[in-house]
PDB file of all heavy atoms in Angstrom:
ATOM      1  N   GLN A   1      -4.332  31.995   5.239  1.00  0.00           N
ATOM      2  CA  GLN A   1      -3.867  32.092   3.863  1.00  0.00           C
ATOM      3  C   GLN A   1      -2.329  32.188   3.731  1.00  0.00           C
ATOM      4  O   GLN A   1      -1.746  31.549   2.841  1.00  0.00           O
ATOM      5  CB  GLN A   1      -4.530  33.302   3.156  1.00  0.00           C
ATOM      6  CG  GLN A   1      -4.277  33.330   1.662  1.00  0.00           C
ATOM      7  CD  GLN A   1      -4.843  32.108   0.955  1.00  0.00           C
ATOM      8  OE1 GLN A   1      -6.002  31.733   1.164  1.00  0.00           O
ATOM      9  NE2 GLN A   1      -4.046  31.438   0.113  1.00  0.00           N
ATOM     10  N   PRO A   2      -1.637  32.967   4.588  1.00  0.00           N
ATOM     11  CA  PRO A   2      -0.183  32.992   4.492  1.00  0.00           C
ATOM     12  C   PRO A   2       0.456  31.617   4.682  1.00  0.00           C
ATOM     13  O   PRO A   2       1.456  31.296   4.053  1.00  0.00           O
ATOM     14  CB  PRO A   2       0.225  33.963   5.615  1.00  0.00           C
ATOM     15  CG  PRO A   2      -0.950  34.859   5.811  1.00  0.00           C
ATOM     16  CD  PRO A   2      -2.163  33.955   5.568  1.00  0.00           C
ATOM     17  N   VAL A   3      -0.136  30.811   5.576  1.00  0.00           N
ATOM     18  CA  VAL A   3       0.375  29.444   5.773  1.00  0.00           C
ATOM     19  C   VAL A   3       0.155  28.627   4.511  1.00  0.00           C
ATOM     20  O   VAL A   3       1.042  27.888   4.062  1.00  0.00           O
ATOM     21  CB  VAL A   3      -0.316  28.776   6.974  1.00  0.00           C
ATOM     22  CG1 VAL A   3       0.161  27.344   7.117  1.00  0.00           C
ATOM     23  CG2 VAL A   3      -0.052  29.568   8.238  1.00  0.00           C
ATOM     24  N   HIS A   4      -1.021  28.758   3.926  1.00  0.00           N
ATOM     25  CA  HIS A   4      -1.377  28.038   2.710  1.00  0.00           C
ATOM     26  C   HIS A   4      -0.415  28.423   1.571  1.00  0.00           C
ATOM     27  O   HIS A   4       0.093  27.556   0.848  1.00  0.00           O
ATOM     28  CB  HIS A   4      -2.822  28.362   2.351  1.00  0.00           C
ATOM     29  CG  HIS A   4      -3.424  27.452   1.317  1.00  0.00           C
ATOM     30  ND1 HIS A   4      -3.413  27.771  -0.046  1.00  0.00           N
ATOM     31  CD2 HIS A   4      -4.052  26.283   1.405  1.00  0.00           C
ATOM     32  CE1 HIS A   4      -4.009  26.822  -0.714  1.00  0.00           C
ATOM     33  NE2 HIS A   4      -4.413  25.890   0.122  1.00  0.00           N
ATOM     34  N   ASP A   5      -0.194  29.701   1.425  1.00  0.00           N
ATOM     35  CA  ASP A   5       0.713  30.156   0.347  1.00  0.00           C
ATOM     36  C   ASP A   5       2.142  29.662   0.559  1.00  0.00           C
ATOM     37  O   ASP A   5       2.794  29.182  -0.397  1.00  0.00           O
ATOM     38  CB  ASP A   5       0.711  31.696   0.308  1.00  0.00           C
ATOM     39  CG  ASP A   5      -0.620  32.295  -0.131  1.00  0.00           C
ATOM     40  OD1 ASP A   5      -1.392  31.568  -0.772  1.00  0.00           O
ATOM     41  OD2 ASP A   5      -0.884  33.486   0.182  1.00  0.00           O
ATOM     42  N   HIS A   6       2.600  29.733   1.785  1.00  0.00           N
ATOM     43  CA  HIS A   6       3.981  29.303   2.102  1.00  0.00           C
ATOM     44  C   HIS A   6       4.134  27.781   1.870  1.00  0.00           C
ATOM     45  O   HIS A   6       5.168  27.349   1.374  1.00  0.00           O
ATOM     46  CB  HIS A   6       4.332  29.669   3.521  1.00  0.00           C
ATOM     47  CG  HIS A   6       5.766  29.425   3.889  1.00  0.00           C
ATOM     48  ND1 HIS A   6       6.792  30.125   3.303  1.00  0.00           N
ATOM     49  CD2 HIS A   6       6.343  28.523   4.751  1.00  0.00           C
ATOM     50  CE1 HIS A   6       7.936  29.692   3.782  1.00  0.00           C
ATOM     51  NE2 HIS A   6       7.704  28.724   4.645  1.00  0.00           N
ATOM     52  N   MET A   7       3.117  27.029   2.197  1.00  0.00           N
ATOM     53  CA  MET A   7       3.145  25.593   2.016  1.00  0.00           C
ATOM     54  C   MET A   7       3.358  25.238   0.528  1.00  0.00           C
ATOM     55  O   MET A   7       4.161  24.386   0.176  1.00  0.00           O
ATOM     56  CB  MET A   7       1.860  24.949   2.559  1.00  0.00           C
ATOM     57  CG  MET A   7       1.759  23.463   2.272  1.00  0.00           C
ATOM     58  SD  MET A   7       0.151  22.795   2.814  1.00  0.00           S
ATOM     59  CE  MET A   7      -0.976  23.683   1.717  1.00  0.00           C
ATOM     60  N   ARG A   8       2.616  25.911  -0.344  1.00  0.00           N
ATOM     61  CA  ARG A   8       2.706  25.629  -1.743  1.00  0.00           C
ATOM     62  C   ARG A   8       4.063  26.065  -2.310  1.00  0.00           C
ATOM     63  O   ARG A   8       4.627  25.386  -3.168  1.00  0.00           O
ATOM     64  CB  ARG A   8       1.570  26.300  -2.507  1.00  0.00           C
ATOM     65  CG  ARG A   8       0.198  25.679  -2.211  1.00  0.00           C
ATOM     66  CD  ARG A   8      -0.917  26.315  -3.000  1.00  0.00           C
ATOM     67  NE  ARG A   8      -1.102  27.699  -2.626  1.00  0.00           N
ATOM     68  CZ  ARG A   8      -1.930  28.531  -3.290  1.00  0.00           C
ATOM     69  NH1 ARG A   8      -2.560  28.112  -4.359  1.00  0.00           N
ATOM     70  NH2 ARG A   8      -2.081  29.791  -2.868  1.00  0.00           N
ATOM     71  N   THR A   9       4.585  27.174  -1.815  1.00  0.00           N
ATOM     72  CA  THR A   9       5.919  27.604  -2.239  1.00  0.00           C
ATOM     73  C   THR A   9       6.957  26.614  -1.825  1.00  0.00           C
ATOM     74  O   THR A   9       7.870  26.266  -2.596  1.00  0.00           O
ATOM     75  CB  THR A   9       6.238  28.976  -1.640  1.00  0.00           C
ATOM     76  OG1 THR A   9       5.280  29.962  -2.157  1.00  0.00           O
ATOM     77  CG2 THR A   9       7.623  29.410  -2.023  1.00  0.00           C
ATOM     78  N   GLU A  10       6.887  26.136  -0.590  1.00  0.00           N
ATOM     79  CA  GLU A  10       7.819  25.126  -0.072  1.00  0.00           C
ATOM     80  C   GLU A  10       7.796  23.876  -0.938  1.00  0.00           C
ATOM     81  O   GLU A  10       8.858  23.289  -1.239  1.00  0.00           O
ATOM     82  CB  GLU A  10       7.503  24.761   1.375  1.00  0.00           C
ATOM     83  CG  GLU A  10       8.004  25.747   2.392  1.00  0.00           C
ATOM     84  CD  GLU A  10       7.750  25.277   3.821  1.00  0.00           C
ATOM     85  OE1 GLU A  10       6.858  24.423   4.017  1.00  0.00           O
ATOM     86  OE2 GLU A  10       8.439  25.745   4.710  1.00  0.00           O
ATOM     87  N   LEU A  11       6.616  23.444  -1.309  1.00  0.00           N
ATOM     88  CA  LEU A  11       6.481  22.237  -2.126  1.00  0.00           C
ATOM     89  C   LEU A  11       7.189  22.403  -3.446  1.00  0.00           C
ATOM     90  O   LEU A  11       7.945  21.515  -3.883  1.00  0.00           O
ATOM     91  CB  LEU A  11       5.003  21.905  -2.340  1.00  0.00           C
ATOM     92  CG  LEU A  11       4.689  20.773  -3.330  1.00  0.00           C
ATOM     93  CD1 LEU A  11       5.353  19.482  -2.884  1.00  0.00           C
ATOM     94  CD2 LEU A  11       3.189  20.596  -3.460  1.00  0.00           C
ATOM     95  N   MET A  12       6.975  23.526  -4.146  1.00  0.00           N
ATOM     96  CA  MET A  12       7.628  23.734  -5.434  1.00  0.00           C
ATOM     97  C   MET A  12       9.135  23.850  -5.307  1.00  0.00           C
ATOM     98  O   MET A  12       9.872  23.334  -6.147  1.00  0.00           O
ATOM     99  CB  MET A  12       7.027  24.989  -6.120  1.00  0.00           C
ATOM    100  CG  MET A  12       5.527  24.881  -6.390  1.00  0.00           C
ATOM    101  SD  MET A  12       5.094  23.371  -7.291  1.00  0.00           S
ATOM    102  CE  MET A  12       3.314  23.313  -6.953  1.00  0.00           C
ATOM    103  N   CYS A  13       9.584  24.530  -4.288  1.00  0.00           N
ATOM    104  CA  CYS A  13      11.017  24.623  -4.050  1.00  0.00           C
ATOM    105  C   CYS A  13      11.600  23.239  -3.759  1.00  0.00           C
ATOM    106  O   CYS A  13      12.710  22.917  -4.203  1.00  0.00           O
ATOM    107  CB  CYS A  13      11.298  25.560  -2.881  1.00  0.00           C
ATOM    108  SG  CYS A  13      10.961  27.287  -3.267  1.00  0.00           S
ATOM    109  N   GLY A  14      10.844  22.406  -3.023  1.00  0.00           N
ATOM    110  CA  GLY A  14      11.302  21.072  -2.744  1.00  0.00           C
ATOM    111  C   GLY A  14      11.422  20.239  -3.989  1.00  0.00           C
ATOM    112  O   GLY A  14      12.347  19.419  -4.151  1.00  0.00           O
ATOM    113  N   GLN A  15      10.487  20.411  -4.933  1.00  0.00           N
ATOM    114  CA  GLN A  15      10.544  19.676  -6.200  1.00  0.00           C
ATOM    115  C   GLN A  15      11.802  20.061  -6.965  1.00  0.00           C
ATOM    116  O   GLN A  15      12.484  19.208  -7.580  1.00  0.00           O
ATOM    117  CB  GLN A  15       9.288  19.986  -7.052  1.00  0.00           C
ATOM    118  CG  GLN A  15       7.985  19.463  -6.467  1.00  0.00           C
ATOM    119  CD  GLN A  15       7.802  17.979  -6.730  1.00  0.00           C
ATOM    120  OE1 GLN A  15       8.644  17.156  -6.414  1.00  0.00           O
ATOM    121  NE2 GLN A  15       6.642  17.611  -7.262  1.00  0.00           N
ATOM    122  N   TYR A  16      12.123  21.358  -6.936  1.00  0.00           N
ATOM    123  CA  TYR A  16      13.382  21.801  -7.630  1.00  0.00           C
ATOM    124  C   TYR A  16      14.604  21.233  -6.960  1.00  0.00           C
ATOM    125  O   TYR A  16      15.538  20.791  -7.635  1.00  0.00           O
ATOM    126  CB  TYR A  16      13.458  23.341  -7.700  1.00  0.00           C
ATOM    127  CG  TYR A  16      14.736  23.808  -8.305  1.00  0.00           C
ATOM    128  CD1 TYR A  16      14.968  23.747  -9.678  1.00  0.00           C
ATOM    129  CD2 TYR A  16      15.771  24.298  -7.471  1.00  0.00           C
ATOM    130  CE1 TYR A  16      16.165  24.152 -10.220  1.00  0.00           C
ATOM    131  CE2 TYR A  16      16.999  24.670  -8.033  1.00  0.00           C
ATOM    132  CZ  TYR A  16      17.175  24.634  -9.393  1.00  0.00           C
ATOM    133  OH  TYR A  16      18.370  24.994  -9.944  1.00  0.00           O
ATOM    134  N   LEU A  17      14.625  21.291  -5.628  1.00  0.00           N
ATOM    135  CA  LEU A  17      15.781  20.759  -4.894  1.00  0.00           C
ATOM    136  C   LEU A  17      15.948  19.271  -5.192  1.00  0.00           C
ATOM    137  O   LEU A  17      17.098  18.768  -5.257  1.00  0.00           O
ATOM    138  CB  LEU A  17      15.586  20.949  -3.389  1.00  0.00           C
ATOM    139  CG  LEU A  17      15.703  22.393  -2.878  1.00  0.00           C
ATOM    140  CD1 LEU A  17      15.356  22.468  -1.406  1.00  0.00           C
ATOM    141  CD2 LEU A  17      17.128  22.927  -3.104  1.00  0.00           C
ATOM    142  N   ASP A  18      14.841  18.552  -5.397  1.00  0.00           N
ATOM    143  CA  ASP A  18      14.915  17.129  -5.739  1.00  0.00           C
ATOM    144  C   ASP A  18      15.570  16.944  -7.111  1.00  0.00           C
ATOM    145  O   ASP A  18      16.454  16.107  -7.281  1.00  0.00           O
ATOM    146  CB  ASP A  18      13.519  16.514  -5.721  1.00  0.00           C
ATOM    147  CG  ASP A  18      13.546  15.020  -5.883  1.00  0.00           C
ATOM    148  OD1 ASP A  18      14.521  14.372  -5.454  1.00  0.00           O
ATOM    149  OD2 ASP A  18      12.552  14.474  -6.455  1.00  0.00           O
ATOM    150  N   LEU A  19      15.165  17.752  -8.109  1.00  0.00           N
ATOM    151  CA  LEU A  19      15.779  17.714  -9.426  1.00  0.00           C
ATOM    152  C   LEU A  19      17.296  18.005  -9.321  1.00  0.00           C
ATOM    153  O   LEU A  19      18.110  17.348  -9.945  1.00  0.00           O
ATOM    154  CB  LEU A  19      15.126  18.741 -10.346  1.00  0.00           C
ATOM    155  CG  LEU A  19      13.787  18.382 -10.980  1.00  0.00           C
ATOM    156  CD1 LEU A  19      13.306  19.578 -11.793  1.00  0.00           C
ATOM    157  CD2 LEU A  19      13.920  17.165 -11.888  1.00  0.00           C
ATOM    158  N   LEU A  20      17.602  19.013  -8.498  1.00  0.00           N
ATOM    159  CA  LEU A  20      19.014  19.399  -8.333  1.00  0.00           C
ATOM    160  C   LEU A  20      19.808  18.263  -7.710  1.00  0.00           C
ATOM    161  O   LEU A  20      20.961  17.993  -8.113  1.00  0.00           O
ATOM    162  CB  LEU A  20      19.048  20.647  -7.425  1.00  0.00           C
ATOM    163  CG  LEU A  20      20.326  21.505  -7.474  1.00  0.00           C
ATOM    164  CD1 LEU A  20      20.569  22.048  -8.838  1.00  0.00           C
ATOM    165  CD2 LEU A  20      20.228  22.625  -6.442  1.00  0.00           C
ATOM    166  N   GLU A  21      19.209  17.578  -6.754  1.00  0.00           N
ATOM    167  CA  GLU A  21      19.895  16.473  -6.096  1.00  0.00           C
ATOM    168  C   GLU A  21      20.202  15.363  -7.050  1.00  0.00           C
ATOM    169  O   GLU A  21      21.310  14.780  -7.023  1.00  0.00           O
ATOM    170  CB  GLU A  21      19.014  15.961  -4.939  1.00  0.00           C
ATOM    171  CG  GLU A  21      19.714  15.018  -3.987  1.00  0.00           C
ATOM    172  CD  GLU A  21      20.555  15.755  -2.940  1.00  0.00           C
ATOM    173  OE1 GLU A  21      20.736  16.971  -3.043  1.00  0.00           O
ATOM    174  OE2 GLU A  21      21.037  15.067  -2.048  1.00  0.00           O
ATOM    175  N   GLN A  22      19.260  15.055  -7.946  1.00  0.00           N
ATOM    176  CA  GLN A  22      19.499  14.002  -8.933  1.00  0.00           C
ATOM    177  C   GLN A  22      20.570  14.422  -9.912  1.00  0.00           C
ATOM    178  O   GLN A  22      21.393  13.632 -10.341  1.00  0.00           O
ATOM    179  CB  GLN A  22      18.195  13.648  -9.679  1.00  0.00           C
ATOM    180  CG  GLN A  22      16.985  13.439  -8.832  1.00  0.00           C
ATOM    181  CD  GLN A  22      17.151  12.473  -7.690  1.00  0.00           C
ATOM    182  OE1 GLN A  22      17.759  11.416  -7.853  1.00  0.00           O
ATOM    183  NE2 GLN A  22      16.656  12.801  -6.513  1.00  0.00           N
ATOM    184  N   ALA A  23      20.549  15.712 -10.279  1.00  0.00           N
ATOM    185  CA  ALA A  23      21.483  16.223 -11.278  1.00  0.00           C
ATOM    186  C   ALA A  23      22.929  16.216 -10.757  1.00  0.00           C
ATOM    187  O   ALA A  23      23.871  15.957 -11.490  1.00  0.00           O
ATOM    188  CB  ALA A  23      21.125  17.623 -11.713  1.00  0.00           C
ATOM    189  N   HIS A  24      23.067  16.503  -9.454  1.00  0.00           N
ATOM    190  CA  HIS A  24      24.404  16.494  -8.842  1.00  0.00           C
ATOM    191  C   HIS A  24      25.049  15.107  -8.926  1.00  0.00           C
ATOM    192  O   HIS A  24      26.270  14.980  -9.047  1.00  0.00           O
ATOM    193  CB  HIS A  24      24.332  16.947  -7.407  1.00  0.00           C
ATOM    194  CG  HIS A  24      24.146  18.419  -7.243  1.00  0.00           C
ATOM    195  ND1 HIS A  24      23.786  18.999  -6.059  1.00  0.00           N
ATOM    196  CD2 HIS A  24      24.270  19.427  -8.136  1.00  0.00           C
ATOM    197  CE1 HIS A  24      23.701  20.316  -6.228  1.00  0.00           C
ATOM    198  NE2 HIS A  24      23.976  20.604  -7.447  1.00  0.00           N
ATOM    199  N   GLY A  25      24.212  14.070  -8.787  1.00  0.00           N
ATOM    200  CA  GLY A  25      24.716  12.711  -8.867  1.00  0.00           C
ATOM    201  C   GLY A  25      25.294  12.171  -7.582  1.00  0.00           C
ATOM    202  O   GLY A  25      25.466  10.965  -7.431  1.00  0.00           O
ATOM    203  N   GLU A  26      25.597  13.035  -6.682  1.00  0.00           N
ATOM    204  CA  GLU A  26      26.111  12.602  -5.351  1.00  0.00           C
ATOM    205  C   GLU A  26      25.285  13.336  -4.286  1.00  0.00           C
ATOM    206  O   GLU A  26      24.882  14.481  -4.521  1.00  0.00           O
ATOM    207  CB  GLU A  26      27.591  12.959  -5.162  1.00  0.00           C
ATOM    208  CG  GLU A  26      28.525  12.130  -6.043  1.00  0.00           C
ATOM    209  CD  GLU A  26      28.552  10.642  -5.633  1.00  0.00           C
ATOM    210  OE1 GLU A  26      28.259  10.338  -4.473  1.00  0.00           O
ATOM    211  OE2 GLU A  26      28.864   9.810  -6.509  1.00  0.00           O
ATOM    212  N   ASN A  27      25.089  12.683  -3.190  1.00  0.00           N
ATOM    213  CA  ASN A  27      24.282  13.343  -2.153  1.00  0.00           C
ATOM    214  C   ASN A  27      24.765  12.945  -0.777  1.00  0.00           C
ATOM    215  O   ASN A  27      25.381  11.894  -0.612  1.00  0.00           O
ATOM    216  CB  ASN A  27      22.784  13.047  -2.290  1.00  0.00           C
ATOM    217  CG  ASN A  27      22.474  11.591  -2.073  1.00  0.00           C
ATOM    218  OD1 ASN A  27      23.232  10.706  -2.442  1.00  0.00           O
ATOM    219  ND2 ASN A  27      21.316  11.313  -1.513  1.00  0.00           N
ATOM    220  N   THR A  28      24.490  13.780   0.195  1.00  0.00           N
ATOM    221  CA  THR A  28      24.741  13.447   1.584  1.00  0.00           C
ATOM    222  C   THR A  28      23.412  13.234   2.264  1.00  0.00           C
ATOM    223  O   THR A  28      22.363  13.616   1.750  1.00  0.00           O
ATOM    224  CB  THR A  28      25.501  14.601   2.290  1.00  0.00           C
ATOM    225  OG1 THR A  28      24.657  15.788   2.308  1.00  0.00           O
ATOM    226  CG2 THR A  28      26.804  14.930   1.556  1.00  0.00           C
ATOM    227  N   PHE A  29      23.468  12.704   3.470  1.00  0.00           N
ATOM    228  CA  PHE A  29      22.228  12.492   4.212  1.00  0.00           C
ATOM    229  C   PHE A  29      21.576  13.847   4.488  1.00  0.00           C
ATOM    230  O   PHE A  29      20.374  13.990   4.438  1.00  0.00           O
ATOM    231  CB  PHE A  29      22.505  11.775   5.525  1.00  0.00           C
ATOM    232  CG  PHE A  29      21.271  11.406   6.295  1.00  0.00           C
ATOM    233  CD1 PHE A  29      20.548  10.284   6.004  1.00  0.00           C
ATOM    234  CD2 PHE A  29      20.784  12.262   7.292  1.00  0.00           C
ATOM    235  CE1 PHE A  29      19.389   9.951   6.703  1.00  0.00           C
ATOM    236  CE2 PHE A  29      19.633  11.943   8.000  1.00  0.00           C
ATOM    237  CZ  PHE A  29      18.908  10.798   7.688  1.00  0.00           C
ATOM    238  N   GLU A  30      22.405  14.866   4.783  1.00  0.00           N
ATOM    239  CA  GLU A  30      21.896  16.176   5.103  1.00  0.00           C
ATOM    240  C   GLU A  30      21.176  16.813   3.925  1.00  0.00           C
ATOM    241  O   GLU A  30      20.120  17.421   4.039  1.00  0.00           O
ATOM    242  CB  GLU A  30      23.030  17.104   5.588  1.00  0.00           C
ATOM    243  CG  GLU A  30      23.607  16.748   6.967  1.00  0.00           C
ATOM    244  CD  GLU A  30      24.406  15.451   6.973  1.00  0.00           C
ATOM    245  OE1 GLU A  30      24.925  15.070   5.863  1.00  0.00           O
ATOM    246  OE2 GLU A  30      24.512  14.811   8.020  1.00  0.00           O
ATOM    247  N   SER A  31      21.796  16.657   2.722  1.00  0.00           N
ATOM    248  CA  SER A  31      21.112  17.257   1.539  1.00  0.00           C
ATOM    249  C   SER A  31      19.842  16.482   1.169  1.00  0.00           C
ATOM    250  O   SER A  31      18.828  17.096   0.779  1.00  0.00           O
ATOM    251  CB  SER A  31      22.101  17.282   0.337  1.00  0.00           C
ATOM    252  OG  SER A  31      22.419  15.941  -0.080  1.00  0.00           O
ATOM    253  N   ALA A  32      19.857  15.198   1.310  1.00  0.00           N
ATOM    254  CA  ALA A  32      18.669  14.403   1.058  1.00  0.00           C
ATOM    255  C   ALA A  32      17.582  14.743   2.079  1.00  0.00           C
ATOM    256  O   ALA A  32      16.365  14.764   1.749  1.00  0.00           O
ATOM    257  CB  ALA A  32      18.997  12.914   1.104  1.00  0.00           C
ATOM    258  N   LEU A  33      17.973  14.978   3.335  1.00  0.00           N
ATOM    259  CA  LEU A  33      17.032  15.361   4.356  1.00  0.00           C
ATOM    260  C   LEU A  33      16.393  16.708   4.013  1.00  0.00           C
ATOM    261  O   LEU A  33      15.168  16.875   4.219  1.00  0.00           O
ATOM    262  CB  LEU A  33      17.751  15.466   5.706  1.00  0.00           C
ATOM    263  CG  LEU A  33      16.952  15.978   6.898  1.00  0.00           C
ATOM    264  CD1 LEU A  33      15.722  15.125   7.133  1.00  0.00           C
ATOM    265  CD2 LEU A  33      17.833  16.028   8.137  1.00  0.00           C
ATOM    266  N   ARG A  34      17.172  17.633   3.502  1.00  0.00           N
ATOM    267  CA  ARG A  34      16.602  18.955   3.158  1.00  0.00           C
ATOM    268  C   ARG A  34      15.571  18.788   2.067  1.00  0.00           C
ATOM    269  O   ARG A  34      14.477  19.376   2.136  1.00  0.00           O
ATOM    270  CB  ARG A  34      17.727  19.863   2.688  1.00  0.00           C
ATOM    271  CG  ARG A  34      17.266  21.289   2.328  1.00  0.00           C
ATOM    272  CD  ARG A  34      18.372  22.157   1.859  1.00  0.00           C
ATOM    273  NE  ARG A  34      18.995  21.666   0.630  1.00  0.00           N
ATOM    274  CZ  ARG A  34      19.684  22.449  -0.221  1.00  0.00           C
ATOM    275  NH1 ARG A  34      19.860  23.720   0.057  1.00  0.00           N
ATOM    276  NH2 ARG A  34      20.195  21.923  -1.321  1.00  0.00           N
ATOM    277  N   VAL A  35      15.862  17.981   1.052  1.00  0.00           N
ATOM    278  CA  VAL A  35      14.876  17.722  -0.001  1.00  0.00           C
ATOM    279  C   VAL A  35      13.610  17.096   0.547  1.00  0.00           C
ATOM    280  O   VAL A  35      12.471  17.500   0.261  1.00  0.00           O
ATOM    281  CB  VAL A  35      15.476  16.819  -1.101  1.00  0.00           C
ATOM    282  CG1 VAL A  35      14.391  16.392  -2.085  1.00  0.00           C
ATOM    283  CG2 VAL A  35      16.610  17.516  -1.820  1.00  0.00           C
ATOM    284  N   ALA A  36      13.818  16.100   1.429  1.00  0.00           N
ATOM    285  CA  ALA A  36      12.662  15.384   2.000  1.00  0.00           C
ATOM    286  C   ALA A  36      11.769  16.333   2.822  1.00  0.00           C
ATOM    287  O   ALA A  36      10.517  16.234   2.769  1.00  0.00           O
ATOM    288  CB  ALA A  36      13.140  14.236   2.894  1.00  0.00           C
ATOM    289  N   LEU A  37      12.383  17.245   3.536  1.00  0.00           N
ATOM    290  CA  LEU A  37      11.610  18.175   4.347  1.00  0.00           C
ATOM    291  C   LEU A  37      10.760  19.080   3.468  1.00  0.00           C
ATOM    292  O   LEU A  37       9.572  19.261   3.731  1.00  0.00           O
ATOM    293  CB  LEU A  37      12.550  19.021   5.188  1.00  0.00           C
ATOM    294  CG  LEU A  37      12.869  18.531   6.604  1.00  0.00           C
ATOM    295  CD1 LEU A  37      13.901  19.413   7.276  1.00  0.00           C
ATOM    296  CD2 LEU A  37      11.588  18.428   7.428  1.00  0.00           C
ATOM    297  N   TYR A  38      11.380  19.671   2.456  1.00  0.00           N
ATOM    298  CA  TYR A  38      10.662  20.636   1.623  1.00  0.00           C
ATOM    299  C   TYR A  38       9.705  19.977   0.633  1.00  0.00           C
ATOM    300  O   TYR A  38       8.612  20.530   0.345  1.00  0.00           O
ATOM    301  CB  TYR A  38      11.637  21.537   0.882  1.00  0.00           C
ATOM    302  CG  TYR A  38      12.209  22.602   1.759  1.00  0.00           C
ATOM    303  CD1 TYR A  38      13.362  22.432   2.490  1.00  0.00           C
ATOM    304  CD2 TYR A  38      11.555  23.846   1.871  1.00  0.00           C
ATOM    305  CE1 TYR A  38      13.878  23.436   3.317  1.00  0.00           C
ATOM    306  CE2 TYR A  38      12.042  24.842   2.703  1.00  0.00           C
ATOM    307  CZ  TYR A  38      13.202  24.616   3.421  1.00  0.00           C
ATOM    308  OH  TYR A  38      13.674  25.609   4.243  1.00  0.00           O
ATOM    309  N   LYS A  39      10.105  18.816   0.098  1.00  0.00           N
ATOM    310  CA  LYS A  39       9.277  18.182  -0.889  1.00  0.00           C
ATOM    311  C   LYS A  39       8.131  17.389  -0.316  1.00  0.00           C
ATOM    312  O   LYS A  39       7.068  17.261  -0.922  1.00  0.00           O
ATOM    313  CB  LYS A  39      10.140  17.245  -1.742  1.00  0.00           C
ATOM    314  CG  LYS A  39       9.391  16.611  -2.910  1.00  0.00           C
ATOM    315  CD  LYS A  39      10.291  15.623  -3.678  1.00  0.00           C
ATOM    316  CE  LYS A  39       9.481  14.893  -4.735  1.00  0.00           C
ATOM    317  NZ  LYS A  39      10.281  13.867  -5.393  1.00  0.00           N
ATOM    318  N   SER A  40       8.299  16.874   0.901  1.00  0.00           N
ATOM    319  CA  SER A  40       7.307  15.961   1.441  1.00  0.00           C
ATOM    320  C   SER A  40       6.941  16.300   2.891  1.00  0.00           C
ATOM    321  O   SER A  40       5.787  16.471   3.229  1.00  0.00           O
ATOM    322  CB  SER A  40       7.776  14.520   1.334  1.00  0.00           C
ATOM    323  OG  SER A  40       6.820  13.653   1.848  1.00  0.00           O
ATOM    324  N   GLY A  41       7.967  16.296   3.737  1.00  0.00           N
ATOM    325  CA  GLY A  41       7.715  16.365   5.196  1.00  0.00           C
ATOM    326  C   GLY A  41       6.881  17.558   5.635  1.00  0.00           C
ATOM    327  O   GLY A  41       5.906  17.438   6.359  1.00  0.00           O
ATOM    328  N   LYS A  42       7.254  18.738   5.162  1.00  0.00           N
ATOM    329  CA  LYS A  42       6.572  19.938   5.613  1.00  0.00           C
ATOM    330  C   LYS A  42       5.114  19.992   5.130  1.00  0.00           C
ATOM    331  O   LYS A  42       4.200  20.310   5.902  1.00  0.00           O
ATOM    332  CB  LYS A  42       7.293  21.194   5.163  1.00  0.00           C
ATOM    333  CG  LYS A  42       8.585  21.479   5.977  1.00  0.00           C
ATOM    334  CD  LYS A  42       9.295  22.688   5.457  1.00  0.00           C
ATOM    335  CE  LYS A  42      10.467  23.059   6.360  1.00  0.00           C
ATOM    336  NZ  LYS A  42      10.066  23.598   7.669  1.00  0.00           N
TER     337      LYS A  42
END
């Protein structure tokens, strides 16, 4: 259950980071990678 809970939290945080990335208008590979990890990869 702790893994399950953490996975869902990571997903929601990743969705927010994605919104933030679009709002910034500029991105680096490292910031895009962070979004990809939390929103999808993990």
